[in-house]
Every structure is written in C-alpha cells, then in structure tokens.
Amino acid sequence: MSSLIYFFKESLIGFSRNVSTTLGSIVTIFLSLLIIGVFAIGGYIIENIVSSIESQVSITVYVSDNAGDADIQQLQNYIQGLEPVQSVGFTTKEEALEKFRSSMVSNPEIVDQLDGQNPLPASIDVQLSDPQRVEEVAQAIAGNSTFQMICEDPANPADSLKYGQKTVEKLFSLTNYVRYIGIALIALMIFIALVFINNTIRLAILARRKEIAIMRLVGASNGFIRGPFLMEGALHALIGALLAVISLDLLRRFALPLVANALTWLPVTLETETLFFIYGALILAGLFIGLVGSSLAMRRYLKV
C-alpha cells in the first residue's frame, strides 16, 4: 500500500513538472475516447437501424392462377426446408387485392380502374433468418422444378421472384462499408492516444533521468522505478476517460432525443444496459491505453 501511495504522489509530481505535455496527453485521450464513444453509440444505433432495415428484406414468389394446391404446398415445404428461411406464408389473390385496396385508401380512383377485376397473383411470402443470404435463397427457389412449373411467368421464372435485387445489393454493400469504417476509425483513435501517452511518459523519463540514475545506484528495483510512470500514464488515461464519459452522457441527454424526434420512423434507441457497457468499456480502454503506452515508453527509453 505504501508503494502505491508513493507511486501516486510521484505521478502527481510528474503532472506538475510537465503541465503542458500532461494536459496535451489528457486532452488527446479525452478526444480520442470521446470519438470512440460517439462511434460506439452511433455504431450501435446504426446497427439497430441496419438490422431493422435488413429484417424487412424478404422474397415474394408469385404463382400462377392455375397452380394446384398440392404443388403450392410442395413448393412451400421446399422453401421452408432451406436453412436461411425463417418462415413461409401464403397470400391468396383475394388477400393481395385487399392489401392493395388498403394501401390505396388515399387514391381510390386507382382501385376503381380495376373495374372489378383482380389482376394480382397469389404469392408465397418468405422471411429470412439471415437477410444477407437472400440471393442464395432466391437462386435455390429459382432452380426448383416445382417453382418453374407453377410460377406466374413460366417463360421467364426469374420475373416471378421479387426481393428488390438491386436495392438489396446496394443496402448490404452500404451497411458493410459503415461497419468497416467505424472499426477503422476506432482503431485509428486508439493508436493516436497510444502515441501521445508514449511521448508524455518519454518526456517524464527524460526530465527525471538523474533521479532514476540515483535510484539505480541505491539498488531500487525495476518495479519501484517503473511504478510512478505507469501510475502517471494510467491517471492521464483515467482522467481523459472520465471526461469522455461525462461529455458522452451530456450528448446522450440533449442530442439523442432531438435525433429521435427528427427521425421518428427509425429505431433511434439506446438501452441503459448498453450505455453503461459502453461507458465501462471506455474507462477500461482508457486504462489499457495508459498502461500500454507507458509500458512501451519505458521499454524504449527506460533501460531498467
């Protein structure tokens, strides 16, 4: 315990000896962790939005009016047996027309133009457990002989499969880019924080090189010499992390409700458990950055 108290006092002395460098280190860690926190929270919200959008990806299989019930059931059983498929439903011609009428309440003249006819086909509606495998499922259905026989357009079966092919490709491409960019930026911020901690501890070592030499002469252990520098790096990171957490919480309290109110059609939500997990992760990440940065500096500049 006495050693820890000594390390803490020496780290505070290090603060006062290199005020500008110390403040620069703390501010850098604060900004880095703040950006990481913003990306973590934003990434979580975006992931929820992406998952919500991806969950709406489905396949509609249009079947001919002359298709028999046995063939339709056989095709449904085949589709249900595909691994990425979560559920399979069937919409009759009458149900399809009723849905169309409901969607056209504000434009009844469009429904009137049907003149009592029902041009809409029956369909098999496919929901997926893994939306990113939609192309795989669509190709499997297209290659099924029963589908080719009872689809709405046997001359061109692919036209009887609808899942927004081009839109789906662009959606998944965009969501993957968003994920990769977020990971890359977080890694960059951690690297920048490590560099600043490394430089700060290096300057502290240089400023106390005579004192370190004396400690070596009197037989101080390596751990005793290294302790204050580790403590100093950890304190820099901890202060920066706490400032980042406080700033993030203020942003969450004031900015997030404004975003949620502006984008009411999107699931802009953040659970309390997730928020505390991010805050805790930031504090632990700050300590990790401080200790690793200090250790790297000591290994390079403190030959003990």
Protein backbone atom coordinates (compact mmCIF):
# COMPACT_ATOMS: atom_id res chain seq x y z
CA MET A 1 0.00 0.00 0.00
CA SER A 2 2.83 2.40 0.87
CA SER A 3 4.37 1.78 -2.57
CA LEU A 4 1.07 2.65 -4.27
CA ILE A 5 0.85 5.88 -2.26
CA TYR A 6 4.42 6.71 -3.28
CA PHE A 7 3.65 5.95 -6.95
CA PHE A 8 0.57 8.17 -6.78
CA LYS A 9 2.47 11.08 -5.20
CA GLU A 10 5.27 10.78 -7.75
CA SER A 11 2.77 10.71 -10.61
CA LEU A 12 1.23 13.94 -9.30
CA ILE A 13 4.70 15.48 -9.20
CA GLY A 14 5.12 14.38 -12.81
CA PHE A 15 1.88 16.23 -13.60
CA SER A 16 3.26 19.49 -12.22
CA ARG A 17 6.64 19.14 -13.93
CA ASN A 18 5.16 18.76 -17.42
CA VAL A 19 1.86 20.62 -17.22
CA SER A 20 1.50 21.43 -20.92
CA THR A 21 2.51 17.93 -22.03
CA THR A 22 0.26 16.36 -19.41
CA LEU A 23 -2.72 18.48 -20.47
CA GLY A 24 -1.99 17.63 -24.11
CA SER A 25 -1.96 13.95 -23.27
CA ILE A 26 -5.20 14.12 -21.26
CA VAL A 27 -6.96 16.19 -23.94
CA THR A 28 -5.82 13.80 -26.66
CA ILE A 29 -7.04 10.76 -24.72
CA PHE A 30 -10.27 12.58 -23.92
CA LEU A 31 -10.91 13.47 -27.57
CA SER A 32 -9.88 10.02 -28.78
CA LEU A 33 -12.14 8.22 -26.31
CA LEU A 34 -14.93 10.71 -26.94
CA ILE A 35 -14.75 9.99 -30.67
CA ILE A 36 -14.56 6.26 -29.96
CA GLY A 37 -17.59 6.59 -27.66
CA VAL A 38 -19.54 8.58 -30.24
CA PHE A 39 -18.74 5.95 -32.86
CA ALA A 40 -19.62 3.15 -30.43
CA ILE A 41 -23.00 4.70 -29.59
CA GLY A 42 -23.61 5.78 -33.17
CA GLY A 43 -22.49 2.38 -34.40
CA TYR A 44 -24.88 0.62 -32.03
CA ILE A 45 -27.78 2.81 -33.15
CA ILE A 46 -26.84 2.38 -36.81
CA GLU A 47 -26.56 -1.38 -36.27
CA ASN A 48 -30.11 -1.36 -34.86
CA ILE A 49 -31.32 0.65 -37.85
CA VAL A 50 -29.45 -1.59 -40.29
CA SER A 51 -30.81 -4.73 -38.61
CA SER A 52 -34.31 -3.24 -38.73
CA ILE A 53 -33.95 -2.50 -42.45
CA GLU A 54 -32.34 -5.86 -43.17
CA SER A 55 -35.13 -7.65 -41.31
CA GLN A 56 -37.58 -6.21 -43.85
CA VAL A 57 -35.74 -7.95 -46.69
CA SER A 58 -37.98 -10.77 -47.88
CA ILE A 59 -38.73 -12.78 -51.00
CA THR A 60 -42.09 -12.82 -52.76
CA VAL A 61 -42.73 -15.81 -55.02
CA TYR A 62 -45.61 -15.17 -57.42
CA VAL A 63 -47.54 -18.26 -58.50
CA SER A 64 -49.84 -18.86 -61.43
CA ASP A 65 -53.62 -18.66 -61.04
CA ASN A 66 -53.74 -22.23 -62.38
CA ALA A 67 -51.33 -23.61 -59.78
CA GLY A 68 -52.74 -26.53 -57.81
CA ASP A 69 -52.88 -26.55 -54.03
CA ALA A 70 -50.68 -29.65 -53.84
CA ASP A 71 -47.96 -28.04 -55.97
CA ILE A 72 -48.11 -24.82 -53.95
CA GLN A 73 -47.80 -26.78 -50.71
CA GLN A 74 -44.90 -28.78 -52.13
CA LEU A 75 -43.05 -25.58 -53.06
CA GLN A 76 -43.76 -24.07 -49.63
CA ASN A 77 -42.33 -27.18 -47.95
CA TYR A 78 -39.22 -26.98 -50.11
CA ILE A 79 -38.68 -23.30 -49.29
CA GLN A 80 -39.29 -23.88 -45.58
CA GLY A 81 -36.57 -26.53 -45.64
CA LEU A 82 -33.91 -24.06 -46.82
CA GLU A 83 -31.51 -23.17 -43.99
CA PRO A 84 -31.72 -19.32 -44.05
CA VAL A 85 -35.55 -19.33 -44.20
CA GLN A 86 -37.34 -18.29 -41.02
CA SER A 87 -40.98 -18.56 -42.09
CA VAL A 88 -43.13 -19.09 -45.15
CA GLY A 89 -46.63 -17.69 -45.69
CA PHE A 90 -49.16 -17.71 -48.49
CA THR A 91 -51.19 -14.76 -49.80
CA THR A 92 -54.20 -15.56 -51.98
CA LYS A 93 -55.32 -13.41 -54.90
CA GLU A 94 -58.17 -12.02 -52.78
CA GLU A 95 -55.85 -11.14 -49.89
CA ALA A 96 -53.42 -9.46 -52.30
CA LEU A 97 -56.25 -7.33 -53.71
CA GLU A 98 -57.43 -6.40 -50.20
CA LYS A 99 -53.91 -5.29 -49.26
CA PHE A 100 -53.74 -3.24 -52.45
CA ARG A 101 -57.04 -1.54 -51.63
CA SER A 102 -55.83 -0.75 -48.10
CA SER A 103 -52.65 0.83 -49.46
CA MET A 104 -54.63 2.92 -51.94
CA VAL A 105 -57.11 4.46 -49.48
CA SER A 106 -55.91 7.95 -50.42
CA ASN A 107 -56.19 7.17 -54.16
CA PRO A 108 -59.46 5.18 -54.57
CA GLU A 109 -59.66 6.08 -58.27
CA ILE A 110 -56.78 3.68 -58.94
CA VAL A 111 -58.78 0.81 -57.43
CA ASP A 112 -61.86 1.88 -59.41
CA GLN A 113 -59.89 1.49 -62.64
CA LEU A 114 -59.64 -2.25 -61.99
CA ASP A 115 -63.35 -2.41 -62.87
CA GLY A 116 -63.99 -5.37 -60.59
CA GLN A 117 -61.09 -7.37 -61.98
CA ASN A 118 -58.29 -8.84 -59.89
CA PRO A 119 -55.01 -8.82 -61.84
CA LEU A 120 -52.89 -9.57 -58.75
CA PRO A 121 -51.40 -13.06 -58.44
CA ALA A 122 -51.24 -15.23 -55.35
CA SER A 123 -47.82 -15.36 -53.72
CA ILE A 124 -45.61 -17.24 -51.29
CA ASP A 125 -44.01 -14.82 -48.82
CA VAL A 126 -40.58 -15.81 -47.48
CA GLN A 127 -38.99 -14.29 -44.35
CA LEU A 128 -35.30 -14.94 -43.72
CA SER A 129 -33.34 -15.56 -40.51
CA ASP A 130 -30.22 -14.22 -42.26
CA PRO A 131 -31.25 -11.48 -44.72
CA GLN A 132 -27.76 -11.30 -46.23
CA ARG A 133 -28.32 -14.75 -47.73
CA VAL A 134 -31.32 -13.58 -49.73
CA GLU A 135 -29.54 -14.11 -53.06
CA GLU A 136 -28.69 -17.69 -52.10
CA VAL A 137 -32.31 -18.47 -51.21
CA ALA A 138 -33.65 -16.76 -54.35
CA GLN A 139 -31.35 -18.84 -56.56
CA ALA A 140 -32.37 -22.05 -54.78
CA ILE A 141 -36.05 -21.26 -55.36
CA ALA A 142 -35.43 -20.31 -58.99
CA GLY A 143 -33.78 -23.67 -59.60
CA ASN A 144 -36.67 -25.68 -58.12
CA SER A 145 -38.65 -27.62 -60.75
CA THR A 146 -41.98 -27.11 -58.97
CA PHE A 147 -41.44 -23.35 -58.90
CA GLN A 148 -40.57 -23.31 -62.59
CA MET A 149 -43.80 -25.18 -63.31
CA ILE A 150 -46.25 -23.10 -61.24
CA CYS A 151 -44.64 -19.63 -61.26
CA GLU A 152 -46.62 -16.73 -62.67
CA ASP A 153 -44.40 -16.45 -65.75
CA PRO A 154 -43.07 -19.94 -66.70
CA ALA A 155 -41.37 -18.46 -69.79
CA ASN A 156 -39.20 -16.32 -67.52
CA PRO A 157 -39.27 -17.73 -63.95
CA ALA A 158 -36.85 -15.10 -62.60
CA ASP A 159 -39.54 -12.44 -63.11
CA SER A 160 -41.76 -14.30 -60.62
CA LEU A 161 -39.23 -13.76 -57.82
CA LYS A 162 -39.18 -10.32 -56.23
CA TYR A 163 -36.83 -9.24 -53.46
CA GLY A 164 -35.52 -5.88 -54.66
CA GLN A 165 -32.39 -7.40 -56.16
CA LYS A 166 -30.50 -4.18 -56.94
CA THR A 167 -31.68 -2.42 -53.79
CA VAL A 168 -30.64 -5.36 -51.61
CA GLU A 169 -27.14 -5.45 -53.13
CA LYS A 170 -26.66 -1.72 -52.51
CA LEU A 171 -28.09 -1.97 -48.99
CA PHE A 172 -25.76 -4.73 -47.89
CA SER A 173 -22.79 -3.06 -49.55
CA LEU A 174 -23.53 0.21 -47.72
CA THR A 175 -24.08 -1.42 -44.32
CA ASN A 176 -20.83 -3.38 -44.59
CA TYR A 177 -18.91 -0.21 -45.50
CA VAL A 178 -20.40 1.59 -42.48
CA ARG A 179 -19.24 -1.23 -40.18
CA TYR A 180 -15.72 -1.33 -41.63
CA ILE A 181 -15.28 2.46 -41.49
CA GLY A 182 -16.38 2.55 -37.85
CA ILE A 183 -13.88 -0.16 -36.86
CA ALA A 184 -11.06 1.57 -38.77
CA LEU A 185 -11.73 4.96 -37.12
CA ILE A 186 -11.84 3.44 -33.63
CA ALA A 187 -8.51 1.69 -34.27
CA LEU A 188 -7.02 4.99 -35.50
CA MET A 189 -8.14 6.88 -32.39
CA ILE A 190 -6.65 4.22 -30.11
CA PHE A 191 -3.34 4.43 -31.99
CA ILE A 192 -3.23 8.24 -31.69
CA ALA A 193 -3.90 8.04 -27.95
CA LEU A 194 -1.12 5.45 -27.53
CA VAL A 195 1.34 7.73 -29.34
CA PHE A 196 0.55 10.69 -27.10
CA ILE A 197 0.82 8.65 -23.90
CA ASN A 198 4.12 7.26 -25.15
CA ASN A 199 5.50 10.75 -25.81
CA THR A 200 4.29 12.09 -22.45
CA ILE A 201 5.92 9.29 -20.47
CA ARG A 202 9.10 9.62 -22.56
CA LEU A 203 9.36 13.30 -21.60
CA ALA A 204 8.71 12.42 -17.94
CA ILE A 205 11.53 9.86 -18.07
CA LEU A 206 13.93 12.38 -19.63
CA ALA A 207 13.03 15.02 -17.02
CA ARG A 208 13.78 12.59 -14.18
CA ARG A 209 16.78 10.79 -15.68
CA LYS A 210 19.15 11.98 -12.92
CA GLU A 211 16.75 10.86 -10.21
CA ILE A 212 16.35 7.50 -11.93
CA ALA A 213 20.14 7.08 -12.10
CA ILE A 214 20.42 7.74 -8.34
CA MET A 215 17.63 5.24 -7.62
CA ARG A 216 19.55 2.64 -9.61
CA LEU A 217 22.72 3.31 -7.63
CA VAL A 218 20.97 2.80 -4.30
CA GLY A 219 19.52 -0.51 -5.51
CA ALA A 220 15.89 0.38 -6.29
CA SER A 221 14.05 -2.45 -8.05
CA ASN A 222 12.85 -2.15 -11.63
CA GLY A 223 9.23 -2.27 -10.46
CA PHE A 224 9.82 0.55 -7.99
CA ILE A 225 11.36 2.74 -10.72
CA ARG A 226 8.66 1.94 -13.25
CA GLY A 227 5.72 2.30 -10.85
CA PRO A 228 5.31 6.12 -10.89
CA PHE A 229 5.42 6.22 -14.71
CA LEU A 230 2.78 3.50 -15.01
CA MET A 231 0.65 5.33 -12.47
CA GLU A 232 1.10 8.62 -14.33
CA GLY A 233 0.05 7.09 -17.66
CA ALA A 234 -2.94 5.41 -16.00
CA LEU A 235 -4.02 8.70 -14.36
CA HIS A 236 -3.78 10.58 -17.66
CA ALA A 237 -5.95 7.96 -19.33
CA LEU A 238 -8.41 7.70 -16.45
CA ILE A 239 -8.99 11.48 -16.35
CA GLY A 240 -9.39 11.56 -20.13
CA ALA A 241 -11.80 8.60 -20.00
CA LEU A 242 -13.94 10.18 -17.26
CA LEU A 243 -14.13 13.45 -19.21
CA ALA A 244 -15.16 11.47 -22.29
CA VAL A 245 -17.88 9.60 -20.36
CA ILE A 246 -19.26 12.85 -18.88
CA SER A 247 -19.31 14.50 -22.31
CA LEU A 248 -20.98 11.47 -23.89
CA ASP A 249 -23.65 11.41 -21.23
CA LEU A 250 -24.39 15.09 -21.82
CA LEU A 251 -24.63 14.44 -25.56
CA ARG A 252 -26.94 11.49 -24.92
CA ARG A 253 -29.22 13.52 -22.68
CA PHE A 254 -29.55 16.51 -25.00
CA ALA A 255 -28.70 15.43 -28.55
CA LEU A 256 -30.13 11.90 -28.80
CA PRO A 257 -33.76 12.94 -28.04
CA LEU A 258 -33.53 15.58 -30.78
CA VAL A 259 -32.31 13.00 -33.28
CA ALA A 260 -35.01 10.51 -32.21
CA ASN A 261 -37.74 13.14 -32.61
CA ALA A 262 -36.43 14.14 -36.05
CA LEU A 263 -36.21 10.51 -37.25
CA THR A 264 -39.34 9.01 -35.71
CA TRP A 265 -39.57 6.35 -38.45
CA LEU A 266 -36.19 4.89 -37.47
CA PRO A 267 -35.35 2.93 -34.28
CA VAL A 268 -33.02 5.53 -32.74
CA THR A 269 -32.85 3.92 -29.31
CA LEU A 270 -30.15 3.14 -26.75
CA GLU A 271 -30.79 0.79 -23.83
CA THR A 272 -29.43 1.72 -20.39
CA GLU A 273 -27.50 -1.57 -20.13
CA THR A 274 -25.78 -0.89 -23.45
CA LEU A 275 -24.94 2.65 -22.39
CA PHE A 276 -23.33 1.52 -19.12
CA PHE A 277 -21.43 -1.18 -21.00
CA ILE A 278 -20.01 1.45 -23.39
CA TYR A 279 -19.07 3.77 -20.51
CA GLY A 280 -17.36 0.94 -18.65
CA ALA A 281 -15.58 -0.18 -21.82
CA LEU A 282 -14.30 3.37 -22.39
CA ILE A 283 -12.87 3.60 -18.87
CA LEU A 284 -11.20 0.20 -19.22
CA ALA A 285 -9.95 1.16 -22.69
CA GLY A 286 -8.51 4.36 -21.23
CA LEU A 287 -6.64 2.44 -18.52
CA PHE A 288 -5.42 -0.04 -21.12
CA ILE A 289 -4.17 2.77 -23.37
CA GLY A 290 -2.45 4.48 -20.43
CA LEU A 291 -0.71 1.35 -19.17
CA VAL A 292 0.29 0.07 -22.61
CA GLY A 293 1.51 3.50 -23.73
CA SER A 294 3.56 3.89 -20.55
CA SER A 295 4.98 0.39 -20.84
CA LEU A 296 6.05 0.97 -24.44
CA ALA A 297 7.74 4.24 -23.49
CA MET A 298 9.58 2.66 -20.57
CA ARG A 299 10.74 -0.30 -22.62
CA ARG A 300 12.23 2.05 -25.18
CA TYR A 301 13.60 4.88 -23.04
CA LEU A 302 13.99 3.44 -19.53
CA LYS A 303 16.66 0.77 -19.57
CA VAL A 304 15.98 -0.98 -16.28
